[in-house]
PDB file of all heavy atoms in Angstrom:
ATOM      1  N   TYR A   1     167.673  35.200 -23.053  1.00  0.00           N
ATOM      2  CA  TYR A   1     168.056  34.309 -24.093  1.00  0.00           C
ATOM      3  C   TYR A   1     169.392  33.596 -23.461  1.00  0.00           C
ATOM      4  O   TYR A   1     169.591  32.339 -23.841  1.00  0.00           O
ATOM      5  CB  TYR A   1     168.306  34.952 -25.372  1.00  0.00           C
ATOM      6  CG  TYR A   1     167.198  35.548 -26.086  1.00  0.00           C
ATOM      7  CD1 TYR A   1     166.860  37.023 -26.040  1.00  0.00           C
ATOM      8  CD2 TYR A   1     166.318  34.679 -26.799  1.00  0.00           C
ATOM      9  CE1 TYR A   1     165.763  37.441 -26.716  1.00  0.00           C
ATOM     10  CE2 TYR A   1     165.243  35.164 -27.469  1.00  0.00           C
ATOM     11  CZ  TYR A   1     164.937  36.424 -27.372  1.00  0.00           C
ATOM     12  OH  TYR A   1     163.763  36.994 -27.974  1.00  0.00           O
ATOM     13  N   THR A   2     170.117  34.282 -22.834  1.00  0.00           N
ATOM     14  CA  THR A   2     171.347  33.682 -22.080  1.00  0.00           C
ATOM     15  C   THR A   2     170.962  32.484 -21.282  1.00  0.00           C
ATOM     16  O   THR A   2     171.450  31.481 -21.264  1.00  0.00           O
ATOM     17  CB  THR A   2     172.097  34.662 -21.480  1.00  0.00           C
ATOM     18  OG1 THR A   2     172.510  35.749 -22.416  1.00  0.00           O
ATOM     19  CG2 THR A   2     173.353  34.091 -20.866  1.00  0.00           C
ATOM     20  N   VAL A   3     169.898  32.838 -20.388  1.00  0.00           N
ATOM     21  CA  VAL A   3     169.395  31.849 -19.452  1.00  0.00           C
ATOM     22  C   VAL A   3     168.788  30.633 -20.178  1.00  0.00           C
ATOM     23  O   VAL A   3     169.067  29.483 -19.854  1.00  0.00           O
ATOM     24  CB  VAL A   3     168.309  32.474 -18.531  1.00  0.00           C
ATOM     25  CG1 VAL A   3     167.726  31.412 -17.617  1.00  0.00           C
ATOM     26  CG2 VAL A   3     169.083  33.492 -17.701  1.00  0.00           C
ATOM     27  N   LEU A   4     167.982  30.914 -21.251  1.00  0.00           N
ATOM     28  CA  LEU A   4     167.498  29.796 -22.030  1.00  0.00           C
ATOM     29  C   LEU A   4     168.579  28.851 -22.596  1.00  0.00           C
ATOM     30  O   LEU A   4     168.461  27.708 -22.597  1.00  0.00           O
ATOM     31  CB  LEU A   4     166.574  30.426 -23.165  1.00  0.00           C
ATOM     32  CG  LEU A   4     165.884  29.484 -23.993  1.00  0.00           C
ATOM     33  CD1 LEU A   4     164.828  28.508 -23.301  1.00  0.00           C
ATOM     34  CD2 LEU A   4     165.091  30.190 -25.254  1.00  0.00           C
ATOM     35  N   VAL A   5     169.607  29.531 -23.192  1.00  0.00           N
ATOM     36  CA  VAL A   5     170.627  28.754 -23.746  1.00  0.00           C
ATOM     37  C   VAL A   5     171.303  27.914 -22.632  1.00  0.00           C
ATOM     38  O   VAL A   5     171.689  26.725 -22.851  1.00  0.00           O
ATOM     39  CB  VAL A   5     171.745  29.618 -24.461  1.00  0.00           C
ATOM     40  CG1 VAL A   5     172.963  28.860 -24.855  1.00  0.00           C
ATOM     41  CG2 VAL A   5     171.056  30.316 -25.714  1.00  0.00           C
ATOM     42  N   ALA A   6     171.512  28.561 -21.465  1.00  0.00           N
ATOM     43  CA  ALA A   6     172.157  27.710 -20.298  1.00  0.00           C
ATOM     44  C   ALA A   6     171.291  26.514 -20.047  1.00  0.00           C
ATOM     45  O   ALA A   6     171.804  25.460 -19.762  1.00  0.00           O
ATOM     46  CB  ALA A   6     172.388  28.651 -19.198  1.00  0.00           C
ATOM     47  N   VAL A   7     170.015  26.816 -19.902  1.00  0.00           N
ATOM     48  CA  VAL A   7     169.022  25.676 -19.520  1.00  0.00           C
ATOM     49  C   VAL A   7     169.044  24.503 -20.613  1.00  0.00           C
ATOM     50  O   VAL A   7     169.114  23.345 -20.149  1.00  0.00           O
ATOM     51  CB  VAL A   7     167.599  26.194 -19.255  1.00  0.00           C
ATOM     52  CG1 VAL A   7     166.622  25.118 -19.051  1.00  0.00           C
ATOM     53  CG2 VAL A   7     167.675  27.188 -18.048  1.00  0.00           C
ATOM     54  N   VAL A   8     168.958  24.915 -21.859  1.00  0.00           N
ATOM     55  CA  VAL A   8     169.087  23.878 -22.931  1.00  0.00           C
ATOM     56  C   VAL A   8     170.501  23.261 -22.859  1.00  0.00           C
ATOM     57  O   VAL A   8     170.408  21.974 -23.084  1.00  0.00           O
ATOM     58  CB  VAL A   8     168.863  24.659 -24.279  1.00  0.00           C
ATOM     59  CG1 VAL A   8     169.073  23.774 -25.417  1.00  0.00           C
ATOM     60  CG2 VAL A   8     167.406  25.231 -24.358  1.00  0.00           C
ATOM     61  N   LEU A   9     171.500  23.923 -22.663  1.00  0.00           N
ATOM     62  CA  LEU A   9     172.840  23.247 -22.566  1.00  0.00           C
ATOM     63  C   LEU A   9     172.848  22.214 -21.458  1.00  0.00           C
ATOM     64  O   LEU A   9     173.389  21.128 -21.631  1.00  0.00           O
ATOM     65  CB  LEU A   9     173.921  24.336 -22.425  1.00  0.00           C
ATOM     66  CG  LEU A   9     175.347  23.762 -22.374  1.00  0.00           C
ATOM     67  CD1 LEU A   9     175.658  23.091 -23.703  1.00  0.00           C
ATOM     68  CD2 LEU A   9     176.269  24.897 -22.102  1.00  0.00           C
ATOM     69  N   VAL A  10     172.299  22.608 -20.345  1.00  0.00           N
ATOM     70  CA  VAL A  10     172.302  21.625 -19.123  1.00  0.00           C
ATOM     71  C   VAL A  10     171.450  20.388 -19.534  1.00  0.00           C
ATOM     72  O   VAL A  10     171.844  19.300 -19.228  1.00  0.00           O
ATOM     73  CB  VAL A  10     171.724  22.323 -17.894  1.00  0.00           C
ATOM     74  CG1 VAL A  10     171.343  21.280 -16.904  1.00  0.00           C
ATOM     75  CG2 VAL A  10     172.702  23.408 -17.362  1.00  0.00           C
ATOM     76  N   ILE A  11     170.273  20.555 -20.162  1.00  0.00           N
ATOM     77  CA  ILE A  11     169.387  19.517 -20.544  1.00  0.00           C
ATOM     78  C   ILE A  11     170.205  18.560 -21.498  1.00  0.00           C
ATOM     79  O   ILE A  11     170.148  17.289 -21.420  1.00  0.00           O
ATOM     80  CB  ILE A  11     168.181  19.982 -21.169  1.00  0.00           C
ATOM     81  CG1 ILE A  11     167.313  20.625 -19.958  1.00  0.00           C
ATOM     82  CG2 ILE A  11     167.252  18.862 -21.685  1.00  0.00           C
ATOM     83  CD1 ILE A  11     166.059  21.388 -20.557  1.00  0.00           C
ATOM     84  N   VAL A  12     170.777  19.163 -22.621  1.00  0.00           N
ATOM     85  CA  VAL A  12     171.502  18.434 -23.556  1.00  0.00           C
ATOM     86  C   VAL A  12     172.678  17.524 -22.909  1.00  0.00           C
ATOM     87  O   VAL A  12     172.703  16.364 -23.189  1.00  0.00           O
ATOM     88  CB  VAL A  12     172.062  19.305 -24.699  1.00  0.00           C
ATOM     89  CG1 VAL A  12     172.880  18.505 -25.618  1.00  0.00           C
ATOM     90  CG2 VAL A  12     170.891  19.933 -25.413  1.00  0.00           C
ATOM     91  N   LEU A  13     173.510  18.262 -22.109  1.00  0.00           N
ATOM     92  CA  LEU A  13     174.523  17.582 -21.413  1.00  0.00           C
ATOM     93  C   LEU A  13     174.056  16.520 -20.523  1.00  0.00           C
ATOM     94  O   LEU A  13     174.599  15.365 -20.525  1.00  0.00           O
ATOM     95  CB  LEU A  13     175.373  18.524 -20.700  1.00  0.00           C
ATOM     96  CG  LEU A  13     176.301  19.559 -21.497  1.00  0.00           C
ATOM     97  CD1 LEU A  13     176.942  20.509 -20.651  1.00  0.00           C
ATOM     98  CD2 LEU A  13     177.265  18.821 -22.457  1.00  0.00           C
ATOM     99  N   GLY A  14     173.023  16.714 -19.849  1.00  0.00           N
ATOM    100  CA  GLY A  14     172.339  15.666 -18.968  1.00  0.00           C
ATOM    101  C   GLY A  14     171.874  14.469 -19.694  1.00  0.00           C
ATOM    102  O   GLY A  14     172.129  13.320 -19.374  1.00  0.00           O
ATOM    103  N   ALA A  15     171.252  14.745 -20.795  1.00  0.00           N
ATOM    104  CA  ALA A  15     170.817  13.582 -21.761  1.00  0.00           C
ATOM    105  C   ALA A  15     171.958  12.728 -22.326  1.00  0.00           C
ATOM    106  O   ALA A  15     171.900  11.510 -22.278  1.00  0.00           O
ATOM    107  CB  ALA A  15     169.925  14.181 -22.885  1.00  0.00           C
ATOM    108  N   VAL A  16     173.004  13.462 -22.707  1.00  0.00           N
ATOM    109  CA  VAL A  16     174.230  12.749 -23.203  1.00  0.00           C
ATOM    110  C   VAL A  16     174.855  11.999 -22.146  1.00  0.00           C
ATOM    111  O   VAL A  16     175.179  10.724 -22.296  1.00  0.00           O
ATOM    112  CB  VAL A  16     175.281  13.781 -23.871  1.00  0.00           C
ATOM    113  CG1 VAL A  16     176.598  13.056 -24.038  1.00  0.00           C
ATOM    114  CG2 VAL A  16     174.663  14.452 -24.977  1.00  0.00           C
ATOM    115  N   SER A  17     174.990  12.556 -20.897  1.00  0.00           N
ATOM    116  CA  SER A  17     175.503  11.876 -19.746  1.00  0.00           C
ATOM    117  C   SER A  17     174.755  10.679 -19.371  1.00  0.00           C
ATOM    118  O   SER A  17     175.273   9.616 -19.043  1.00  0.00           O
ATOM    119  CB  SER A  17     175.786  12.776 -18.569  1.00  0.00           C
ATOM    120  OG  SER A  17     176.639  13.861 -18.825  1.00  0.00           O
ATOM    121  N   LEU A  18     173.422  10.824 -19.400  1.00  0.00           N
ATOM    122  CA  LEU A  18     172.569   9.680 -19.074  1.00  0.00           C
ATOM    123  C   LEU A  18     172.821   8.516 -20.055  1.00  0.00           C
ATOM    124  O   LEU A  18     172.664   7.361 -19.592  1.00  0.00           O
ATOM    125  CB  LEU A  18     171.183  10.151 -19.029  1.00  0.00           C
ATOM    126  CG  LEU A  18     170.118   9.198 -18.588  1.00  0.00           C
ATOM    127  CD1 LEU A  18     170.306   8.645 -17.166  1.00  0.00           C
ATOM    128  CD2 LEU A  18     168.579   9.728 -18.680  1.00  0.00           C
ATOM    129  N   SER A  19     172.822   8.881 -21.183  1.00  0.00           N
ATOM    130  CA  SER A  19     172.967   7.799 -22.330  1.00  0.00           C
ATOM    131  C   SER A  19     174.246   6.996 -22.212  1.00  0.00           C
ATOM    132  O   SER A  19     174.382   5.829 -22.555  1.00  0.00           O
ATOM    133  CB  SER A  19     172.784   8.419 -23.763  1.00  0.00           C
ATOM    134  OG  SER A  19     173.912   9.362 -23.975  1.00  0.00           O
ATOM    135  N   LYS A  20     175.258   7.653 -21.629  1.00  0.00           N
ATOM    136  CA  LYS A  20     176.689   6.932 -21.512  1.00  0.00           C
ATOM    137  C   LYS A  20     176.991   6.428 -20.172  1.00  0.00           C
ATOM    138  O   LYS A  20     177.938   5.767 -19.912  1.00  0.00           O
ATOM    139  CB  LYS A  20     177.696   8.014 -21.850  1.00  0.00           C
ATOM    140  CG  LYS A  20     177.755   8.538 -23.360  1.00  0.00           C
ATOM    141  CD  LYS A  20     178.889   9.420 -23.557  1.00  0.00           C
ATOM    142  CE  LYS A  20     178.884   9.792 -25.180  1.00  0.00           C
ATOM    143  NZ  LYS A  20     179.209   8.614 -25.926  1.00  0.00           N
ATOM    144  N   MET A  21     175.952   6.572 -19.296  1.00  0.00           N
ATOM    145  CA  MET A  21     176.171   6.134 -17.799  1.00  0.00           C
ATOM    146  C   MET A  21     175.839   4.638 -17.814  1.00  0.00           C
ATOM    147  O   MET A  21     174.952   4.193 -18.326  1.00  0.00           O
ATOM    148  CB  MET A  21     175.193   6.827 -16.957  1.00  0.00           C
ATOM    149  CG  MET A  21     175.411   6.571 -15.348  1.00  0.00           C
ATOM    150  SD  MET A  21     174.304   7.403 -14.353  1.00  0.00           S
ATOM    151  CE  MET A  21     174.845   9.128 -14.653  1.00  0.00           C
ATOM    152  N   THR A  22     176.675   3.885 -17.237  1.00  0.00           N
ATOM    153  CA  THR A  22     176.583   2.440 -16.943  1.00  0.00           C
ATOM    154  C   THR A  22     176.134   2.030 -15.550  1.00  0.00           C
ATOM    155  O   THR A  22     176.502   2.865 -14.555  1.00  0.00           O
ATOM    156  CB  THR A  22     177.880   1.686 -17.266  1.00  0.00           C
ATOM    157  OG1 THR A  22     178.953   2.154 -16.404  1.00  0.00           O
ATOM    158  CG2 THR A  22     178.283   1.802 -18.664  1.00  0.00           C
ATOM    159  N   THR A  23     175.383   0.985 -15.313  1.00  0.00           N
ATOM    160  CA  THR A  23     174.995   0.724 -14.087  1.00  0.00           C
ATOM    161  C   THR A  23     175.627  -0.682 -13.618  1.00  0.00           C
ATOM    162  O   THR A  23     175.886  -1.569 -14.482  1.00  0.00           O
ATOM    163  CB  THR A  23     173.423   0.574 -13.925  1.00  0.00           C
ATOM    164  OG1 THR A  23     172.980  -0.460 -14.880  1.00  0.00           O
ATOM    165  CG2 THR A  23     172.819   1.920 -14.237  1.00  0.00           C
ATOM    166  N   ASP A  24     175.843  -0.794 -12.335  1.00  0.00           N
ATOM    167  CA  ASP A  24     176.319  -2.084 -11.840  1.00  0.00           C
ATOM    168  C   ASP A  24     175.752  -2.465 -10.484  1.00  0.00           C
ATOM    169  O   ASP A  24     175.729  -1.534  -9.567  1.00  0.00           O
ATOM    170  CB  ASP A  24     177.949  -1.945 -11.676  1.00  0.00           C
ATOM    171  CG  ASP A  24     178.546  -3.339 -11.392  1.00  0.00           C
ATOM    172  OD1 ASP A  24     177.884  -4.190 -11.181  1.00  0.00           O
ATOM    173  OD2 ASP A  24     179.877  -3.373 -11.520  1.00  0.00           O
ATOM    174  N   LEU A  25     175.180  -3.619 -10.409  1.00  0.00           N
ATOM    175  CA  LEU A  25     174.450  -3.994  -9.253  1.00  0.00           C
ATOM    176  C   LEU A  25     175.578  -4.081  -8.030  1.00  0.00           C
ATOM    177  O   LEU A  25     175.145  -3.741  -6.825  1.00  0.00           O
ATOM    178  CB  LEU A  25     173.841  -5.368  -9.309  1.00  0.00           C
ATOM    179  CG  LEU A  25     173.105  -5.922  -8.105  1.00  0.00           C
ATOM    180  CD1 LEU A  25     172.005  -4.974  -7.720  1.00  0.00           C
ATOM    181  CD2 LEU A  25     172.585  -7.289  -8.381  1.00  0.00           C
ATOM    182  N   LEU A  26     176.713  -4.496  -8.404  1.00  0.00           N
ATOM    183  CA  LEU A  26     177.821  -4.625  -7.348  1.00  0.00           C
ATOM    184  C   LEU A  26     178.971  -3.871  -7.939  1.00  0.00           C
ATOM    185  O   LEU A  26     179.874  -4.581  -8.516  1.00  0.00           O
ATOM    186  CB  LEU A  26     178.184  -6.054  -7.029  1.00  0.00           C
ATOM    187  CG  LEU A  26     177.015  -6.861  -6.423  1.00  0.00           C
ATOM    188  CD1 LEU A  26     177.429  -8.372  -6.254  1.00  0.00           C
ATOM    189  CD2 LEU A  26     176.726  -6.339  -4.996  1.00  0.00           C
ATOM    190  N   PRO A  27     179.093  -2.598  -7.868  1.00  0.00           N
ATOM    191  CA  PRO A  27     180.261  -1.899  -8.431  1.00  0.00           C
ATOM    192  C   PRO A  27     181.586  -2.170  -7.725  1.00  0.00           C
ATOM    193  O   PRO A  27     181.736  -2.639  -6.552  1.00  0.00           O
ATOM    194  CB  PRO A  27     179.844  -0.340  -8.078  1.00  0.00           C
ATOM    195  CG  PRO A  27     178.946  -0.405  -6.895  1.00  0.00           C
ATOM    196  CD  PRO A  27     178.127  -1.677  -7.056  1.00  0.00           C
ATOM    197  N   ASP A  28     182.595  -2.077  -8.592  1.00  0.00           N
ATOM    198  CA  ASP A  28     183.949  -2.427  -8.111  1.00  0.00           C
ATOM    199  C   ASP A  28     184.406  -1.264  -7.168  1.00  0.00           C
ATOM    200  O   ASP A  28     184.618  -0.158  -7.548  1.00  0.00           O
ATOM    201  CB  ASP A  28     184.829  -2.506  -9.217  1.00  0.00           C
ATOM    202  CG  ASP A  28     186.332  -2.918  -8.883  1.00  0.00           C
ATOM    203  OD1 ASP A  28     186.350  -3.471  -7.686  1.00  0.00           O
ATOM    204  OD2 ASP A  28     187.146  -2.750  -9.688  1.00  0.00           O
ATOM    205  N   MET A  29     184.574  -1.595  -5.925  1.00  0.00           N
ATOM    206  CA  MET A  29     184.973  -0.699  -4.975  1.00  0.00           C
ATOM    207  C   MET A  29     186.201  -1.130  -4.287  1.00  0.00           C
ATOM    208  O   MET A  29     186.537  -2.412  -4.301  1.00  0.00           O
ATOM    209  CB  MET A  29     183.936  -0.498  -3.801  1.00  0.00           C
ATOM    210  CG  MET A  29     182.640  -0.118  -4.345  1.00  0.00           C
ATOM    211  SD  MET A  29     181.269  -0.095  -3.082  1.00  0.00           S
ATOM    212  CE  MET A  29     181.921   0.953  -1.883  1.00  0.00           C
ATOM    213  N   SER A  30     187.003  -0.188  -3.803  1.00  0.00           N
ATOM    214  CA  SER A  30     188.327  -0.461  -3.198  1.00  0.00           C
ATOM    215  C   SER A  30     188.232   0.016  -1.729  1.00  0.00           C
ATOM    216  O   SER A  30     188.027   1.070  -1.456  1.00  0.00           O
ATOM    217  CB  SER A  30     189.484   0.108  -3.952  1.00  0.00           C
ATOM    218  OG  SER A  30     190.708  -0.174  -3.295  1.00  0.00           O
ATOM    219  N   PHE A  31     188.579  -0.999  -0.788  1.00  0.00           N
ATOM    220  CA  PHE A  31     188.625  -0.610   0.588  1.00  0.00           C
ATOM    221  C   PHE A  31     190.123  -0.450   0.948  1.00  0.00           C
ATOM    222  O   PHE A  31     190.935  -1.156   0.515  1.00  0.00           O
ATOM    223  CB  PHE A  31     188.093  -1.659   1.387  1.00  0.00           C
ATOM    224  CG  PHE A  31     186.468  -1.767   1.369  1.00  0.00           C
ATOM    225  CD1 PHE A  31     185.733  -2.730   2.016  1.00  0.00           C
ATOM    226  CD2 PHE A  31     185.800  -0.696   0.751  1.00  0.00           C
ATOM    227  CE1 PHE A  31     184.427  -2.778   1.910  1.00  0.00           C
ATOM    228  CE2 PHE A  31     184.408  -0.784   0.638  1.00  0.00           C
ATOM    229  CZ  PHE A  31     183.740  -1.749   1.275  1.00  0.00           C
ATOM    230  N   GLN A  32     190.383   0.470   1.816  1.00  0.00           N
ATOM    231  CA  GLN A  32     191.819   0.797   2.139  1.00  0.00           C
ATOM    232  C   GLN A  32     192.181  -0.195   3.429  1.00  0.00           C
ATOM    233  O   GLN A  32     192.804   0.354   4.496  1.00  0.00           O
ATOM    234  CB  GLN A  32     191.953   2.194   2.516  1.00  0.00           C
ATOM    235  CG  GLN A  32     191.507   3.198   1.421  1.00  0.00           C
ATOM    236  CD  GLN A  32     192.333   2.923   0.082  1.00  0.00           C
ATOM    237  OE1 GLN A  32     191.912   2.165  -0.740  1.00  0.00           O
ATOM    238  NE2 GLN A  32     193.607   3.473   0.089  1.00  0.00           N
ATOM    239  N   TYR A  33     191.823  -1.395   3.276  1.00  0.00           N
ATOM    240  CA  TYR A  33     192.186  -2.331   4.297  1.00  0.00           C
ATOM    241  C   TYR A  33     192.932  -3.590   3.801  1.00  0.00           C
ATOM    242  O   TYR A  33     192.701  -3.887   2.670  1.00  0.00           O
ATOM    243  CB  TYR A  33     190.931  -2.862   5.110  1.00  0.00           C
ATOM    244  CG  TYR A  33     190.213  -1.881   5.929  1.00  0.00           C
ATOM    245  CD1 TYR A  33     189.281  -0.949   5.327  1.00  0.00           C
ATOM    246  CD2 TYR A  33     190.467  -1.671   7.283  1.00  0.00           C
ATOM    247  CE1 TYR A  33     188.502  -0.083   6.057  1.00  0.00           C
ATOM    248  CE2 TYR A  33     189.793  -0.707   7.965  1.00  0.00           C
ATOM    249  CZ  TYR A  33     188.822   0.006   7.490  1.00  0.00           C
ATOM    250  OH  TYR A  33     188.094   1.027   8.130  1.00  0.00           O
ATOM    251  N   ALA A  34     193.823  -4.049   4.715  1.00  0.00           N
ATOM    252  CA  ALA A  34     194.504  -5.277   4.302  1.00  0.00           C
ATOM    253  C   ALA A  34     194.581  -6.262   5.622  1.00  0.00           C
ATOM    254  O   ALA A  34     194.669  -5.571   6.766  1.00  0.00           O
ATOM    255  CB  ALA A  34     195.875  -5.127   3.864  1.00  0.00           C
ATOM    256  N   LEU A  35     194.579  -7.511   5.339  1.00  0.00           N
ATOM    257  CA  LEU A  35     194.664  -8.416   6.605  1.00  0.00           C
ATOM    258  C   LEU A  35     195.983  -9.254   6.422  1.00  0.00           C
ATOM    259  O   LEU A  35     196.346  -9.639   5.302  1.00  0.00           O
ATOM    260  CB  LEU A  35     193.495  -9.404   6.593  1.00  0.00           C
ATOM    261  CG  LEU A  35     192.172  -8.821   6.794  1.00  0.00           C
ATOM    262  CD1 LEU A  35     191.136 -10.007   6.752  1.00  0.00           C
ATOM    263  CD2 LEU A  35     192.003  -8.050   8.018  1.00  0.00           C
TER     264      LEU A  35
END
C-alpha cells in the first residue's frame, strides 16, 4: 500500500506539473558573454 500511494502521488504531481508547464519555441536564455 505504501508503494501504491507513492506511485499515485508521483502520477498526480506529474499531471499537475504538466498542466502548469509552459512551452517556448525560443526560450529566454542568458549567455555569460559580452562584447
